[in-house]
Amino acid sequence: MPEPEEPAAGTAEPSLEEQIAAYQREFQDLDPQVEKVVSALQRLNRRMNVAYGRQTATLGMSNAEWEVLKALVVSGAPYRMGPGELAKHLGLTPAAMTHRIDRMANEGLVTRERDETNRVRVIVELTHEGREKWLEAMRLATVFEEDLLQDFSGEERRILGDALTRLLRRVEDAQPDAEGRLSDLD
C-alpha cells in the first residue's frame, strides 16, 4: 500500500492506528495486520534514514556519499569499482554517479583513475580518508543501532532479523530488478 503524503509543516503525522483506520474507511478489503507491518516498516525506514543523515552530516558527508563508501568497502580490498558498477549497485544513472564521484574526489574520499589494462575504463578507489570517514560513520551507526534495539533480547533480535530477511527475500524474488532506484520512480 502506498505511503500517505508527508504531513504539512506543523501538523502531526497520524498514528499507525489512525492511518490504518482511515485506509479501512476508504478501502474495506484492507488487512489491518498487514498494513500495520508495512506502514511501520515504511516509517521506520524513513526515520532511520533521517537519523543516519544527521550522523553523516556531522562527518561532513551526505547519505549519498555514505552509500558510495559503503559499496566500495563491501566490494573488498582494494576497494575499487567502475563507475558503471557503482551506478548499477546504487540504482543511479551514470550521470548522477559521475556527479557524485566528482564531488567525492574533490573531497578526497575517492580517487578516479584510468584502468591501466583498459584505458577506456575508469576505476573509482576508496582513499585512506574515505575509509576513515566510513569507519567513523560505522561507529556512530553502531551506537544508534544498539540503542534502537536495546529493548530486544538476543533471541528477539535473531527472530526479528530472520523475519525481516524472509520479507526481503520475498520482495527480491518478486522484484528482481528493483535493486536500486527505478527510473520511473526517480
Protein backbone atom coordinates (compact mmCIF):
# COMPACT_ATOMS: atom_id res chain seq x y z
CA MET A 1 0.00 0.00 0.00
CA PRO A 2 1.42 3.43 -0.86
CA GLU A 3 2.59 5.59 1.97
CA PRO A 4 0.49 8.69 2.68
CA GLU A 5 1.74 12.13 1.75
CA GLU A 6 4.15 13.74 4.21
CA PRO A 7 2.22 15.84 6.72
CA ALA A 8 2.33 19.58 6.18
CA ALA A 9 4.81 21.50 8.30
CA GLY A 10 3.48 21.95 11.80
CA THR A 11 0.94 19.11 11.56
CA ALA A 12 1.42 15.82 13.35
CA GLU A 13 1.63 12.61 11.40
CA PRO A 14 -1.29 10.35 12.25
CA SER A 15 -0.57 7.36 14.43
CA LEU A 16 -0.36 4.00 12.69
CA GLU A 17 -3.78 3.15 14.10
CA GLU A 18 -5.29 6.40 12.77
CA GLN A 19 -3.71 5.85 9.37
CA ILE A 20 -4.98 2.26 9.17
CA ALA A 21 -8.47 3.32 10.28
CA ALA A 22 -8.51 5.94 7.50
CA TYR A 23 -7.36 3.35 4.96
CA GLN A 24 -10.04 0.90 6.14
CA ARG A 25 -12.68 3.61 5.88
CA GLU A 26 -11.74 4.14 2.23
CA PHE A 27 -10.76 0.55 1.33
CA GLN A 28 -12.69 -2.09 3.26
CA ASP A 29 -10.68 -5.06 1.87
CA LEU A 30 -7.59 -3.94 3.76
CA ASP A 31 -5.99 -6.40 6.19
CA PRO A 32 -5.10 -4.15 9.17
CA GLN A 33 -2.37 -6.50 10.43
CA VAL A 34 -0.60 -6.49 7.06
CA GLU A 35 -0.98 -2.73 6.77
CA LYS A 36 0.40 -2.17 10.27
CA VAL A 37 3.55 -4.16 9.45
CA VAL A 38 4.08 -2.44 6.10
CA SER A 39 3.35 1.07 7.39
CA ALA A 40 5.59 0.57 10.43
CA LEU A 41 8.44 -0.62 8.19
CA GLN A 42 8.00 2.40 5.92
CA ARG A 43 8.02 4.84 8.82
CA LEU A 44 10.95 3.11 10.46
CA ASN A 45 12.93 3.25 7.22
CA ARG A 46 12.18 6.95 6.74
CA ARG A 47 13.11 7.86 10.30
CA MET A 48 16.27 5.76 10.27
CA ASN A 49 17.36 7.46 7.03
CA VAL A 50 16.88 10.84 8.71
CA ALA A 51 18.91 9.70 11.74
CA TYR A 52 21.71 8.33 9.55
CA GLY A 53 21.65 11.54 7.51
CA ARG A 54 22.17 13.59 10.64
CA GLN A 55 25.08 11.38 11.65
CA THR A 56 26.80 11.55 8.26
CA ALA A 57 26.26 15.33 8.20
CA THR A 58 28.28 15.61 11.43
CA LEU A 59 31.11 13.97 9.48
CA GLY A 60 30.77 16.42 6.60
CA MET A 61 29.22 14.00 4.13
CA SER A 62 25.80 13.06 2.83
CA ASN A 63 23.90 9.78 2.94
CA ALA A 64 24.55 9.56 -0.81
CA GLU A 65 28.30 9.73 -0.24
CA TRP A 66 28.00 7.19 2.57
CA GLU A 67 26.31 4.79 0.15
CA VAL A 68 29.26 5.04 -2.25
CA LEU A 69 31.78 4.49 0.55
CA LYS A 70 29.77 1.51 1.78
CA ALA A 71 29.64 -0.03 -1.72
CA LEU A 72 33.41 0.32 -2.10
CA VAL A 73 34.10 -1.20 1.33
CA VAL A 74 31.70 -4.10 0.72
CA SER A 75 33.46 -4.81 -2.60
CA GLY A 76 36.54 -5.73 -0.54
CA ALA A 77 40.19 -4.73 -0.77
CA PRO A 78 41.49 -2.91 -2.74
CA TYR A 79 38.07 -1.15 -2.54
CA ARG A 80 37.77 -0.38 -6.25
CA MET A 81 34.86 -0.40 -8.67
CA GLY A 82 34.00 1.08 -12.01
CA PRO A 83 31.53 3.98 -12.06
CA GLY A 84 29.06 1.86 -14.02
CA GLU A 85 29.22 -0.90 -11.40
CA LEU A 86 28.68 1.65 -8.65
CA ALA A 87 25.78 3.27 -10.51
CA LYS A 88 24.07 -0.08 -11.02
CA HIS A 89 24.68 -1.13 -7.42
CA LEU A 90 23.21 2.14 -6.09
CA GLY A 91 20.41 2.37 -8.65
CA LEU A 92 21.68 5.63 -10.14
CA THR A 93 22.01 6.91 -13.66
CA PRO A 94 25.58 7.16 -14.99
CA ALA A 95 25.30 10.96 -14.98
CA ALA A 96 24.20 11.03 -11.33
CA MET A 97 27.03 8.67 -10.42
CA THR A 98 29.58 10.84 -12.25
CA HIS A 99 28.37 13.91 -10.35
CA ARG A 100 28.62 12.05 -7.03
CA ILE A 101 32.11 10.73 -7.81
CA ASP A 102 33.28 14.21 -8.87
CA ARG A 103 32.15 15.65 -5.54
CA MET A 104 33.71 12.83 -3.54
CA ALA A 105 37.01 13.01 -5.45
CA ASN A 106 37.16 16.75 -4.72
CA GLU A 107 36.63 15.94 -1.02
CA GLY A 108 39.43 13.35 -1.07
CA LEU A 109 37.14 10.42 -0.26
CA VAL A 110 37.81 8.55 -3.51
CA THR A 111 40.18 8.70 -6.44
CA ARG A 112 39.26 8.23 -10.07
CA GLU A 113 41.87 6.91 -12.46
CA ARG A 114 42.09 5.19 -15.82
CA ASP A 115 42.43 1.41 -15.70
CA GLU A 116 45.99 0.55 -16.79
CA THR A 117 44.78 -2.58 -18.62
CA ASN A 118 41.90 -0.80 -20.39
CA ARG A 119 42.45 2.93 -20.85
CA VAL A 120 38.76 3.48 -21.66
CA ARG A 121 37.69 2.15 -18.28
CA VAL A 122 37.76 4.34 -15.17
CA ILE A 123 38.33 2.94 -11.69
CA VAL A 124 36.98 4.57 -8.53
CA GLU A 125 39.01 3.71 -5.43
CA LEU A 126 38.45 4.43 -1.77
CA THR A 127 41.13 6.67 -0.24
CA HIS A 128 42.53 6.41 3.28
CA GLU A 129 40.43 9.46 4.21
CA GLY A 130 37.34 7.85 2.68
CA ARG A 131 37.91 4.67 4.68
CA GLU A 132 38.39 6.69 7.88
CA LYS A 133 35.08 8.52 7.21
CA TRP A 134 33.39 5.17 6.63
CA LEU A 135 34.78 3.80 9.91
CA GLU A 136 33.64 6.86 11.86
CA ALA A 137 30.16 6.62 10.31
CA MET A 138 30.07 2.94 11.29
CA ARG A 139 30.98 3.83 14.89
CA LEU A 140 28.12 6.34 15.04
CA ALA A 141 25.69 3.94 13.37
CA THR A 142 26.60 1.13 15.76
CA VAL A 143 25.74 3.27 18.78
CA PHE A 144 22.43 4.32 17.18
CA GLU A 145 21.53 0.76 16.16
CA GLU A 146 22.38 -0.72 19.56
CA ASP A 147 20.19 1.93 21.19
CA LEU A 148 17.41 1.21 18.68
CA LEU A 149 17.37 -2.48 19.59
CA GLN A 150 18.12 -2.15 23.31
CA ASP A 151 14.71 -3.47 24.37
CA PHE A 152 15.10 -6.69 22.37
CA SER A 153 16.80 -9.76 23.78
CA GLY A 154 19.36 -11.60 21.69
CA GLU A 155 16.72 -14.17 20.75
CA GLU A 156 14.20 -11.45 19.79
CA ARG A 157 16.84 -9.78 17.63
CA ARG A 158 17.53 -13.10 15.89
CA ILE A 159 13.81 -13.71 15.29
CA LEU A 160 13.28 -10.16 14.02
CA GLY A 161 16.32 -10.40 11.76
CA ASP A 162 15.14 -13.73 10.36
CA ALA A 163 11.60 -12.42 9.77
CA LEU A 164 12.81 -9.26 8.03
CA THR A 165 15.23 -11.29 5.91
CA ARG A 166 12.34 -13.51 4.78
CA LEU A 167 10.35 -10.40 3.81
CA LEU A 168 13.35 -9.02 1.95
CA ARG A 169 13.82 -12.28 0.04
CA ARG A 170 10.15 -12.28 -0.97
CA VAL A 171 10.44 -8.73 -2.34
CA GLU A 172 13.73 -9.56 -4.09
CA ASP A 173 12.20 -12.68 -5.67
CA ALA A 174 9.09 -10.77 -6.81
CA GLN A 175 11.02 -7.68 -7.94
CA PRO A 176 14.49 -8.86 -9.02
CA ASP A 177 15.12 -5.65 -10.98
CA ALA A 178 14.31 -3.35 -8.04
CA GLU A 179 17.80 -3.37 -6.51
CA GLY A 180 18.19 0.40 -6.55
CA ARG A 181 16.00 3.29 -7.61
CA LEU A 182 13.75 2.60 -10.54
CA SER A 183 13.85 5.13 -13.36
CA ASP A 184 10.07 5.52 -13.24
CA LEU A 185 10.25 6.40 -9.53
CA ASP A 186 13.13 8.91 -9.66
